[in-house]
Amino acid sequence: MDPGSSTSFDSHYFVNLKARQGMFTSDATLLTNSRAAALVDKLQDNGVFFDHFKNSIKRMGQIGVLTGASGQIRNKCNVVNS
């Protein structure tokens, strides 16, 4: 969600956010918490951003996703099907 670099994947979202140019209320809220704001500061650096992104993708790959007959699609995202 970065209009300034919509054709590239980079840390520019965090640069915009720090300049108070976030697109959503939830974006601006990140700057109201000191821990989140400190992370926004760090993630403006492309190297740091990509390192965090890489680690997040690795962790997501370790999630045991149920597939086929073992899994199910929720009818409502916030409620387990009965």
PDB file of N, CA and C in Angstrom:
ATOM      1  N   MET A   1       0.837  -1.186   0.000  1.00  0.00           N
ATOM      2  CA  MET A   1       0.000   0.000   0.000  1.00  0.00           C
ATOM      3  C   MET A   1       0.881   1.248   0.000  1.00  0.00           C
ATOM      4  N   ASP A   2       1.686   1.345  -1.026  1.00  0.00           N
ATOM      5  CA  ASP A   2       2.602   2.478  -1.131  1.00  0.00           C
ATOM      6  C   ASP A   2       2.494   3.089  -2.519  1.00  0.00           C
ATOM      7  N   PRO A   3       1.704   4.157  -2.659  1.00  0.00           N
ATOM      8  CA  PRO A   3       1.529   4.770  -3.976  1.00  0.00           C
ATOM      9  C   PRO A   3       2.830   5.293  -4.580  1.00  0.00           C
ATOM     10  N   GLY A   4       3.816   5.624  -3.741  1.00  0.00           N
ATOM     11  CA  GLY A   4       5.069   6.178  -4.233  1.00  0.00           C
ATOM     12  C   GLY A   4       5.961   5.168  -4.922  1.00  0.00           C
ATOM     13  N   SER A   5       5.789   3.898  -4.604  1.00  0.00           N
ATOM     14  CA  SER A   5       6.603   2.863  -5.255  1.00  0.00           C
ATOM     15  C   SER A   5       5.738   1.636  -5.518  1.00  0.00           C
ATOM     16  N   SER A   6       4.651   1.864  -6.208  1.00  0.00           N
ATOM     17  CA  SER A   6       3.665   0.804  -6.433  1.00  0.00           C
ATOM     18  C   SER A   6       4.163  -0.316  -7.342  1.00  0.00           C
ATOM     19  N   THR A   7       5.256  -0.095  -8.051  1.00  0.00           N
ATOM     20  CA  THR A   7       5.770  -1.144  -8.936  1.00  0.00           C
ATOM     21  C   THR A   7       6.978  -1.856  -8.343  1.00  0.00           C
ATOM     22  N   SER A   8       7.340  -1.515  -7.110  1.00  0.00           N
ATOM     23  CA  SER A   8       8.481  -2.176  -6.481  1.00  0.00           C
ATOM     24  C   SER A   8       8.125  -2.595  -5.058  1.00  0.00           C
ATOM     25  N   PHE A   9       8.838  -3.580  -4.568  1.00  0.00           N
ATOM     26  CA  PHE A   9       8.644  -4.075  -3.211  1.00  0.00           C
ATOM     27  C   PHE A   9       9.836  -3.608  -2.391  1.00  0.00           C
ATOM     28  N   ASP A  10       9.593  -2.650  -1.496  1.00  0.00           N
ATOM     29  CA  ASP A  10      10.688  -2.073  -0.733  1.00  0.00           C
ATOM     30  C   ASP A  10      10.173  -1.509   0.588  1.00  0.00           C
ATOM     31  N   SER A  11      11.031  -0.800   1.283  1.00  0.00           N
ATOM     32  CA  SER A  11      10.701  -0.259   2.602  1.00  0.00           C
ATOM     33  C   SER A  11      10.061   1.125   2.538  1.00  0.00           C
ATOM     34  N   HIS A  12       9.728   1.596   1.349  1.00  0.00           N
ATOM     35  CA  HIS A  12       9.222   2.965   1.199  1.00  0.00           C
ATOM     36  C   HIS A  12       7.917   3.201   1.962  1.00  0.00           C
ATOM     37  N   TYR A  13       7.137   2.160   2.174  1.00  0.00           N
ATOM     38  CA  TYR A  13       5.912   2.280   2.985  1.00  0.00           C
ATOM     39  C   TYR A  13       6.251   2.890   4.343  1.00  0.00           C
ATOM     40  N   PHE A  14       7.350   2.434   4.955  1.00  0.00           N
ATOM     41  CA  PHE A  14       7.729   2.910   6.281  1.00  0.00           C
ATOM     42  C   PHE A  14       8.281   4.330   6.230  1.00  0.00           C
ATOM     43  N   VAL A  15       8.926   4.692   5.130  1.00  0.00           N
ATOM     44  CA  VAL A  15       9.381   6.073   4.936  1.00  0.00           C
ATOM     45  C   VAL A  15       8.163   6.991   4.877  1.00  0.00           C
ATOM     46  N   ASN A  16       7.164   6.603   4.093  1.00  0.00           N
ATOM     47  CA  ASN A  16       5.927   7.389   4.012  1.00  0.00           C
ATOM     48  C   ASN A  16       5.225   7.457   5.357  1.00  0.00           C
ATOM     49  N   LEU A  17       5.186   6.342   6.049  1.00  0.00           N
ATOM     50  CA  LEU A  17       4.517   6.295   7.345  1.00  0.00           C
ATOM     51  C   LEU A  17       5.171   7.262   8.322  1.00  0.00           C
ATOM     52  N   LYS A  18       6.487   7.276   8.355  1.00  0.00           N
ATOM     53  CA  LYS A  18       7.219   8.181   9.252  1.00  0.00           C
ATOM     54  C   LYS A  18       6.954   9.641   8.876  1.00  0.00           C
ATOM     55  N   ALA A  19       6.710   9.901   7.594  1.00  0.00           N
ATOM     56  CA  ALA A  19       6.394  11.260   7.125  1.00  0.00           C
ATOM     57  C   ALA A  19       4.903  11.565   7.288  1.00  0.00           C
ATOM     58  N   ARG A  20       4.208  10.685   8.017  1.00  0.00           N
ATOM     59  CA  ARG A  20       2.770  10.820   8.294  1.00  0.00           C
ATOM     60  C   ARG A  20       1.937  10.812   7.007  1.00  0.00           C
ATOM     61  N   GLN A  21       2.338   9.951   6.074  1.00  0.00           N
ATOM     62  CA  GLN A  21       1.608   9.796   4.824  1.00  0.00           C
ATOM     63  C   GLN A  21       1.044   8.387   4.683  1.00  0.00           C
ATOM     64  N   GLY A  22       0.694   7.767   5.814  1.00  0.00           N
ATOM     65  CA  GLY A  22       0.063   6.448   5.783  1.00  0.00           C
ATOM     66  C   GLY A  22      -1.322   6.560   5.173  1.00  0.00           C
ATOM     67  N   MET A  23      -1.806   5.475   4.606  1.00  0.00           N
ATOM     68  CA  MET A  23      -3.095   5.517   3.921  1.00  0.00           C
ATOM     69  C   MET A  23      -4.272   5.245   4.846  1.00  0.00           C
ATOM     70  N   PHE A  24      -4.031   4.535   5.950  1.00  0.00           N
ATOM     71  CA  PHE A  24      -5.123   4.105   6.809  1.00  0.00           C
ATOM     72  C   PHE A  24      -4.909   4.578   8.244  1.00  0.00           C
ATOM     73  N   THR A  25      -5.982   4.639   9.002  1.00  0.00           N
ATOM     74  CA  THR A  25      -5.886   5.002  10.417  1.00  0.00           C
ATOM     75  C   THR A  25      -4.968   4.029  11.142  1.00  0.00           C
ATOM     76  N   SER A  26      -5.048   2.758  10.794  1.00  0.00           N
ATOM     77  CA  SER A  26      -4.197   1.755  11.445  1.00  0.00           C
ATOM     78  C   SER A  26      -2.713   2.021  11.181  1.00  0.00           C
ATOM     79  N   ASP A  27      -2.385   2.618  10.043  1.00  0.00           N
ATOM     80  CA  ASP A  27      -0.999   2.982   9.754  1.00  0.00           C
ATOM     81  C   ASP A  27      -0.518   4.034  10.749  1.00  0.00           C
ATOM     82  N   ALA A  28      -1.293   5.087  10.903  1.00  0.00           N
ATOM     83  CA  ALA A  28      -0.925   6.178  11.803  1.00  0.00           C
ATOM     84  C   ALA A  28      -0.837   5.699  13.244  1.00  0.00           C
ATOM     85  N   THR A  29      -1.649   4.729  13.594  1.00  0.00           N
ATOM     86  CA  THR A  29      -1.658   4.204  14.957  1.00  0.00           C
ATOM     87  C   THR A  29      -0.322   3.565  15.316  1.00  0.00           C
ATOM     88  N   LEU A  30       0.395   3.044  14.328  1.00  0.00           N
ATOM     89  CA  LEU A  30       1.707   2.451  14.599  1.00  0.00           C
ATOM     90  C   LEU A  30       2.664   3.454  15.229  1.00  0.00           C
ATOM     91  N   LEU A  31       2.482   4.726  14.924  1.00  0.00           N
ATOM     92  CA  LEU A  31       3.386   5.747  15.445  1.00  0.00           C
ATOM     93  C   LEU A  31       3.010   6.206  16.849  1.00  0.00           C
ATOM     94  N   THR A  32       1.872   5.754  17.372  1.00  0.00           N
ATOM     95  CA  THR A  32       1.437   6.184  18.707  1.00  0.00           C
ATOM     96  C   THR A  32       1.974   5.276  19.809  1.00  0.00           C
ATOM     97  N   ASN A  33       2.559   4.155  19.440  1.00  0.00           N
ATOM     98  CA  ASN A  33       3.127   3.217  20.401  1.00  0.00           C
ATOM     99  C   ASN A  33       4.644   3.270  20.260  1.00  0.00           C
ATOM    100  N   SER A  34       5.356   3.456  21.356  1.00  0.00           N
ATOM    101  CA  SER A  34       6.806   3.658  21.266  1.00  0.00           C
ATOM    102  C   SER A  34       7.541   2.449  20.680  1.00  0.00           C
ATOM    103  N   ARG A  35       7.121   1.239  21.018  1.00  0.00           N
ATOM    104  CA  ARG A  35       7.784   0.048  20.465  1.00  0.00           C
ATOM    105  C   ARG A  35       7.518  -0.078  18.970  1.00  0.00           C
ATOM    106  N   ALA A  36       6.275   0.156  18.563  1.00  0.00           N
ATOM    107  CA  ALA A  36       5.935   0.073  17.140  1.00  0.00           C
ATOM    108  C   ALA A  36       6.636   1.181  16.362  1.00  0.00           C
ATOM    109  N   ALA A  37       6.687   2.383  16.936  1.00  0.00           N
ATOM    110  CA  ALA A  37       7.344   3.511  16.264  1.00  0.00           C
ATOM    111  C   ALA A  37       8.838   3.240  16.088  1.00  0.00           C
ATOM    112  N   ALA A  38       9.453   2.602  17.082  1.00  0.00           N
ATOM    113  CA  ALA A  38      10.876   2.257  16.966  1.00  0.00           C
ATOM    114  C   ALA A  38      11.092   1.249  15.840  1.00  0.00           C
ATOM    115  N   LEU A  39      10.167   0.310  15.690  1.00  0.00           N
ATOM    116  CA  LEU A  39      10.265  -0.661  14.602  1.00  0.00           C
ATOM    117  C   LEU A  39      10.069   0.014  13.247  1.00  0.00           C
ATOM    118  N   VAL A  40       9.137   0.962  13.169  1.00  0.00           N
ATOM    119  CA  VAL A  40       8.933   1.728  11.934  1.00  0.00           C
ATOM    120  C   VAL A  40      10.228   2.437  11.558  1.00  0.00           C
ATOM    121  N   ASP A  41      10.907   3.026  12.551  1.00  0.00           N
ATOM    122  CA  ASP A  41      12.187   3.694  12.291  1.00  0.00           C
ATOM    123  C   ASP A  41      13.193   2.723  11.677  1.00  0.00           C
ATOM    124  N   LYS A  42      13.305   1.534  12.250  1.00  0.00           N
ATOM    125  CA  LYS A  42      14.264   0.541  11.754  1.00  0.00           C
ATOM    126  C   LYS A  42      13.903   0.056  10.353  1.00  0.00           C
ATOM    127  N   LEU A  43      12.605  -0.157  10.114  1.00  0.00           N
ATOM    128  CA  LEU A  43      12.171  -0.753   8.852  1.00  0.00           C
ATOM    129  C   LEU A  43      12.217   0.210   7.667  1.00  0.00           C
ATOM    130  N   GLN A  44      12.583   1.450   7.896  1.00  0.00           N
ATOM    131  CA  GLN A  44      12.782   2.382   6.784  1.00  0.00           C
ATOM    132  C   GLN A  44      14.022   2.006   5.971  1.00  0.00           C
ATOM    133  N   ASP A  45      14.928   1.275   6.590  1.00  0.00           N
ATOM    134  CA  ASP A  45      16.149   0.822   5.928  1.00  0.00           C
ATOM    135  C   ASP A  45      15.843  -0.452   5.137  1.00  0.00           C
ATOM    136  N   ASN A  46      16.100  -0.431   3.827  1.00  0.00           N
ATOM    137  CA  ASN A  46      15.794  -1.586   2.976  1.00  0.00           C
ATOM    138  C   ASN A  46      16.436  -2.878   3.472  1.00  0.00           C
ATOM    139  N   GLY A  47      17.683  -2.810   3.924  1.00  0.00           N
ATOM    140  CA  GLY A  47      18.365  -4.010   4.406  1.00  0.00           C
ATOM    141  C   GLY A  47      17.664  -4.614   5.609  1.00  0.00           C
ATOM    142  N   VAL A  48      17.299  -3.767   6.559  1.00  0.00           N
ATOM    143  CA  VAL A  48      16.592  -4.228   7.757  1.00  0.00           C
ATOM    144  C   VAL A  48      15.218  -4.763   7.368  1.00  0.00           C
ATOM    145  N   PHE A  49      14.524  -4.029   6.491  1.00  0.00           N
ATOM    146  CA  PHE A  49      13.195  -4.450   6.047  1.00  0.00           C
ATOM    147  C   PHE A  49      13.237  -5.845   5.429  1.00  0.00           C
ATOM    148  N   PHE A  50      14.164  -6.052   4.491  1.00  0.00           N
ATOM    149  CA  PHE A  50      14.227  -7.343   3.810  1.00  0.00           C
ATOM    150  C   PHE A  50      14.671  -8.459   4.752  1.00  0.00           C
ATOM    151  N   ASP A  51      15.517  -8.147   5.727  1.00  0.00           N
ATOM    152  CA  ASP A  51      15.916  -9.152   6.706  1.00  0.00           C
ATOM    153  C   ASP A  51      14.709  -9.584   7.542  1.00  0.00           C
ATOM    154  N   HIS A  52      13.918  -8.620   8.007  1.00  0.00           N
ATOM    155  CA  HIS A  52      12.704  -8.936   8.770  1.00  0.00           C
ATOM    156  C   HIS A  52      11.701  -9.691   7.894  1.00  0.00           C
ATOM    157  N   PHE A  53      11.547  -9.261   6.657  1.00  0.00           N
ATOM    158  CA  PHE A  53      10.603  -9.922   5.751  1.00  0.00           C
ATOM    159  C   PHE A  53      11.009 -11.376   5.521  1.00  0.00           C
ATOM    160  N   LYS A  54      12.299 -11.589   5.264  1.00  0.00           N
ATOM    161  CA  LYS A  54      12.817 -12.943   5.035  1.00  0.00           C
ATOM    162  C   LYS A  54      12.539 -13.838   6.239  1.00  0.00           C
ATOM    163  N   ASN A  55      12.808 -13.338   7.429  1.00  0.00           N
ATOM    164  CA  ASN A  55      12.576 -14.132   8.636  1.00  0.00           C
ATOM    165  C   ASN A  55      11.093 -14.416   8.849  1.00  0.00           C
ATOM    166  N   SER A  56      10.248 -13.452   8.525  1.00  0.00           N
ATOM    167  CA  SER A  56       8.798 -13.649   8.659  1.00  0.00           C
ATOM    168  C   SER A  56       8.301 -14.724   7.702  1.00  0.00           C
ATOM    169  N   ILE A  57       8.794 -14.703   6.482  1.00  0.00           N
ATOM    170  CA  ILE A  57       8.389 -15.706   5.494  1.00  0.00           C
ATOM    171  C   ILE A  57       8.842 -17.100   5.942  1.00  0.00           C
ATOM    172  N   LYS A  58      10.045 -17.192   6.496  1.00  0.00           N
ATOM    173  CA  LYS A  58      10.527 -18.481   7.006  1.00  0.00           C
ATOM    174  C   LYS A  58       9.615 -18.993   8.114  1.00  0.00           C
ATOM    175  N   ARG A  59       9.235 -18.113   9.050  1.00  0.00           N
ATOM    176  CA  ARG A  59       8.346 -18.525  10.147  1.00  0.00           C
ATOM    177  C   ARG A  59       6.977 -18.935   9.613  1.00  0.00           C
ATOM    178  N   MET A  60       6.464 -18.200   8.632  1.00  0.00           N
ATOM    179  CA  MET A  60       5.165 -18.567   8.059  1.00  0.00           C
ATOM    180  C   MET A  60       5.227 -19.938   7.397  1.00  0.00           C
ATOM    181  N   GLY A  61       6.368 -20.269   6.819  1.00  0.00           N
ATOM    182  CA  GLY A  61       6.539 -21.565   6.184  1.00  0.00           C
ATOM    183  C   GLY A  61       6.513 -22.721   7.171  1.00  0.00           C
ATOM    184  N   GLN A  62       6.704 -22.422   8.445  1.00  0.00           N
ATOM    185  CA  GLN A  62       6.703 -23.462   9.473  1.00  0.00           C
ATOM    186  C   GLN A  62       5.321 -23.681  10.082  1.00  0.00           C
ATOM    187  N   ILE A  63       4.346 -22.882   9.676  1.00  0.00           N
ATOM    188  CA  ILE A  63       2.983 -23.042  10.182  1.00  0.00           C
ATOM    189  C   ILE A  63       2.395 -24.298   9.553  1.00  0.00           C
ATOM    190  N   GLY A  64       1.823 -25.134  10.364  1.00  0.00           N
ATOM    191  CA  GLY A  64       1.224 -26.370   9.862  1.00  0.00           C
ATOM    192  C   GLY A  64      -0.155 -26.101   9.280  1.00  0.00           C
ATOM    193  N   VAL A  65      -0.210 -25.768   8.018  1.00  0.00           N
ATOM    194  CA  VAL A  65      -1.480 -25.464   7.359  1.00  0.00           C
ATOM    195  C   VAL A  65      -2.180 -26.761   6.983  1.00  0.00           C
ATOM    196  N   LEU A  66      -3.447 -26.863   7.347  1.00  0.00           N
ATOM    197  CA  LEU A  66      -4.239 -28.033   6.973  1.00  0.00           C
ATOM    198  C   LEU A  66      -4.728 -27.854   5.544  1.00  0.00           C
ATOM    199  N   THR A  67      -4.601 -28.891   4.741  1.00  0.00           N
ATOM    200  CA  THR A  67      -5.019 -28.814   3.341  1.00  0.00           C
ATOM    201  C   THR A  67      -5.922 -29.989   2.997  1.00  0.00           C
ATOM    202  N   GLY A  68      -6.545 -29.899   1.847  1.00  0.00           N
ATOM    203  CA  GLY A  68      -7.398 -30.982   1.363  1.00  0.00           C
ATOM    204  C   GLY A  68      -8.510 -31.296   2.347  1.00  0.00           C
ATOM    205  N   ALA A  69      -8.752 -32.577   2.576  1.00  0.00           N
ATOM    206  CA  ALA A  69      -9.826 -33.008   3.474  1.00  0.00           C
ATOM    207  C   ALA A  69      -9.509 -32.708   4.938  1.00  0.00           C
ATOM    208  N   SER A  70      -8.250 -32.410   5.256  1.00  0.00           N
ATOM    209  CA  SER A  70      -7.864 -32.120   6.640  1.00  0.00           C
ATOM    210  C   SER A  70      -8.221 -30.702   7.066  1.00  0.00           C
ATOM    211  N   GLY A  71      -8.331 -29.806   6.116  1.00  0.00           N
ATOM    212  CA  GLY A  71      -8.599 -28.408   6.436  1.00  0.00           C
ATOM    213  C   GLY A  71     -10.001 -28.000   6.053  1.00  0.00           C
ATOM    214  N   GLN A  72     -10.318 -26.753   6.328  1.00  0.00           N
ATOM    215  CA  GLN A  72     -11.615 -26.216   5.922  1.00  0.00           C
ATOM    216  C   GLN A  72     -11.510 -24.707   5.758  1.00  0.00           C
ATOM    217  N   ILE A  73     -12.363 -24.162   4.928  1.00  0.00           N
ATOM    218  CA  ILE A  73     -12.432 -22.720   4.728  1.00  0.00           C
ATOM    219  C   ILE A  73     -13.512 -22.190   5.654  1.00  0.00           C
ATOM    220  N   ARG A  74     -13.160 -21.197   6.456  1.00  0.00           N
ATOM    221  CA  ARG A  74     -14.137 -20.637   7.388  1.00  0.00           C
ATOM    222  C   ARG A  74     -15.217 -19.864   6.640  1.00  0.00           C
ATOM    223  N   ASN A  75     -16.448 -20.023   7.106  1.00  0.00           N
ATOM    224  CA  ASN A  75     -17.558 -19.253   6.541  1.00  0.00           C
ATOM    225  C   ASN A  75     -17.463 -17.792   6.961  1.00  0.00           C
ATOM    226  N   LYS A  76     -16.992 -17.552   8.189  1.00  0.00           N
ATOM    227  CA  LYS A  76     -16.714 -16.213   8.710  1.00  0.00           C
ATOM    228  C   LYS A  76     -15.304 -16.262   9.276  1.00  0.00           C
ATOM    229  N   CYS A  77     -14.466 -15.319   8.886  1.00  0.00           N
ATOM    230  CA  CYS A  77     -13.048 -15.356   9.253  1.00  0.00           C
ATOM    231  C   CYS A  77     -12.809 -15.420  10.757  1.00  0.00           C
ATOM    232  N   ASN A  78     -13.655 -14.767  11.534  1.00  0.00           N
ATOM    233  CA  ASN A  78     -13.415 -14.680  12.974  1.00  0.00           C
ATOM    234  C   ASN A  78     -14.119 -15.765  13.783  1.00  0.00           C
ATOM    235  N   VAL A  79     -14.727 -16.756  13.116  1.00  0.00           N
ATOM    236  CA  VAL A  79     -15.465 -17.812  13.811  1.00  0.00           C
ATOM    237  C   VAL A  79     -15.097 -19.166  13.207  1.00  0.00           C
ATOM    238  N   VAL A  80     -14.765 -20.133  14.095  1.00  0.00           N
ATOM    239  CA  VAL A  80     -14.498 -21.493  13.626  1.00  0.00           C
ATOM    240  C   VAL A  80     -15.818 -22.114  13.198  1.00  0.00           C
ATOM    241  N   ASN A  81     -15.810 -22.790  12.053  1.00  0.00           N
ATOM    242  CA  ASN A  81     -17.036 -23.454  11.580  1.00  0.00           C
ATOM    243  C   ASN A  81     -17.500 -24.483  12.607  1.00  0.00           C
ATOM    244  N   SER A  82     -18.812 -24.629  12.744  1.00  0.00           N
ATOM    245  CA  SER A  82     -19.329 -25.627  13.699  1.00  0.00           C
ATOM    246  C   SER A  82     -19.762 -26.890  12.986  1.00  0.00           C
TER     247      SER A  82
END
